[in-house]
C-alpha cells in the first residue's frame, strides 16, 4: 500500500533527486513531488514523497524527521487528505461597481 508523506522546512536548494536519494534509504519510493511556485518555478519549501510500503513510510518518518538536508531540519509526517476548496465564484461582490460621485 502506498503511503504519501509530507516533507516540510525544505531548503530552496533541495531537489526531487535529493529527496529520492534520502528516502530510498528507508524503502522503495514511488514518487517525489517537489512543490514549486507557478510563476517563478522556485521551490515553495515543501514536497510529497510517496513510499511504496507502509513499513518504509514509518521508517522514513522516524528516520528523516529532524534530519538535516542543505542546512535545514526536515519536518516529516504522513500527508493529510487535501481539503475540498470552493470553486471560486462569488467573492463577496454586491454586483457591478458604480461610480456615484458627482
Protein backbone atom coordinates (compact mmCIF):
# COMPACT_ATOMS: atom_id res chain seq x y z
CA UNK A 1 0.00 0.00 0.00
CA UNK A 2 1.33 3.43 -0.96
CA UNK A 3 1.75 5.98 1.81
CA UNK A 4 2.18 9.66 0.98
CA UNK A 5 4.44 11.72 3.25
CA UNK A 6 4.58 15.49 3.68
CA UNK A 7 8.12 16.87 3.83
CA UNK A 8 8.37 20.41 5.17
CA UNK A 9 11.03 23.01 6.00
CA UNK A 10 12.96 22.23 2.82
CA UNK A 11 15.75 24.46 1.63
CA UNK A 12 15.03 26.18 -1.67
CA UNK A 13 18.16 24.38 -2.93
CA UNK A 14 16.65 20.91 -2.39
CA UNK A 15 15.73 18.92 -5.50
CA UNK A 16 13.49 15.94 -6.20
CA UNK A 17 16.66 13.86 -6.71
CA UNK A 18 17.91 14.84 -3.22
CA UNK A 19 14.63 13.65 -1.71
CA UNK A 20 14.58 10.48 -3.83
CA UNK A 21 18.08 9.57 -2.63
CA UNK A 22 17.34 10.37 1.02
CA UNK A 23 14.04 8.48 1.26
CA UNK A 24 15.18 5.47 -0.80
CA UNK A 25 17.33 4.56 2.22
CA UNK A 26 14.11 3.82 4.15
CA UNK A 27 12.30 1.79 1.47
CA UNK A 28 11.08 1.87 -2.11
CA UNK A 29 9.94 5.32 -3.29
CA UNK A 30 7.15 5.50 -5.87
CA UNK A 31 7.01 9.26 -6.42
CA UNK A 32 8.60 12.53 -5.33
CA UNK A 33 6.71 15.77 -5.93
CA UNK A 34 8.57 18.98 -5.02
CA UNK A 35 6.05 21.82 -4.90
CA UNK A 36 7.12 24.90 -6.84
CA UNK A 37 5.75 28.38 -7.38
CA UNK A 38 3.85 28.59 -10.67
CA UNK A 39 5.28 31.93 -11.76
CA UNK A 40 8.90 31.70 -10.60
CA UNK A 41 9.45 27.93 -10.69
CA UNK A 42 11.20 28.24 -7.31
CA UNK A 43 10.61 25.66 -4.60
CA UNK A 44 7.93 26.56 -2.06
CA UNK A 45 9.80 24.71 0.70
CA UNK A 46 7.77 21.51 0.87
CA UNK A 47 7.25 18.28 -1.02
CA UNK A 48 5.36 15.00 -1.03
CA UNK A 49 7.09 11.63 -1.15
CA UNK A 50 5.04 8.50 -1.83
CA UNK A 51 6.55 5.41 -0.24
CA UNK A 52 5.67 2.01 -1.72
CA UNK A 53 5.21 0.31 1.66
CA UNK A 54 3.75 1.29 4.99
CA UNK A 55 6.89 -0.03 6.71
CA UNK A 56 9.07 2.22 4.55
CA UNK A 57 6.86 5.20 5.36
CA UNK A 58 7.08 4.56 9.10
CA UNK A 59 10.87 4.15 8.87
CA UNK A 60 11.10 7.41 6.88
CA UNK A 61 9.00 9.34 9.40
CA UNK A 62 11.18 8.14 12.26
CA UNK A 63 14.49 8.35 10.41
CA UNK A 64 14.17 11.57 8.42
CA UNK A 65 12.29 13.78 10.88
CA UNK A 66 14.66 16.47 12.17
CA UNK A 67 17.41 15.20 9.86
CA UNK A 68 19.25 17.99 8.05
CA UNK A 69 19.20 18.46 4.30
CA UNK A 70 21.02 21.51 2.91
CA UNK A 71 21.24 23.00 6.41
CA UNK A 72 17.52 22.70 7.29
CA UNK A 73 15.93 20.23 9.72
CA UNK A 74 13.14 18.41 7.91
CA UNK A 75 9.58 18.00 9.12
CA UNK A 76 8.24 14.60 8.02
CA UNK A 77 4.64 13.50 8.58
CA UNK A 78 2.04 11.35 6.92
CA UNK A 79 0.22 13.58 4.44
CA UNK A 80 -3.36 14.52 5.22
CA UNK A 81 -6.03 14.31 2.52
CA UNK A 82 -6.39 17.50 0.51
CA UNK A 83 -9.20 19.69 1.76
CA UNK A 84 -12.04 20.49 -0.58
CA UNK A 85 -11.87 24.07 -1.85
CA UNK A 86 -14.68 26.15 -3.22
CA UNK A 87 -14.66 26.74 -6.95
CA UNK A 88 -14.05 30.48 -6.65
CA UNK A 89 -17.15 32.20 -7.89
CA UNK A 90 -18.62 34.99 -5.77
CA UNK A 91 -16.05 36.74 -3.64
CA UNK A 92 -18.50 38.87 -1.70
CA UNK A 93 -19.22 41.25 -4.52
CA UNK A 94 -22.54 43.03 -4.30
CA UNK A 95 -22.86 43.50 -8.03
CA UNK A 96 -21.32 45.75 -10.63
CA UNK A 97 -19.26 48.70 -9.44
CA UNK A 98 -20.93 52.03 -9.88
CA UNK A 99 -19.42 55.44 -9.57
CA UNK A 100 -21.87 57.65 -7.67
CA UNK A 101 -19.51 60.59 -7.18
CA UNK A 102 -20.63 63.88 -8.67
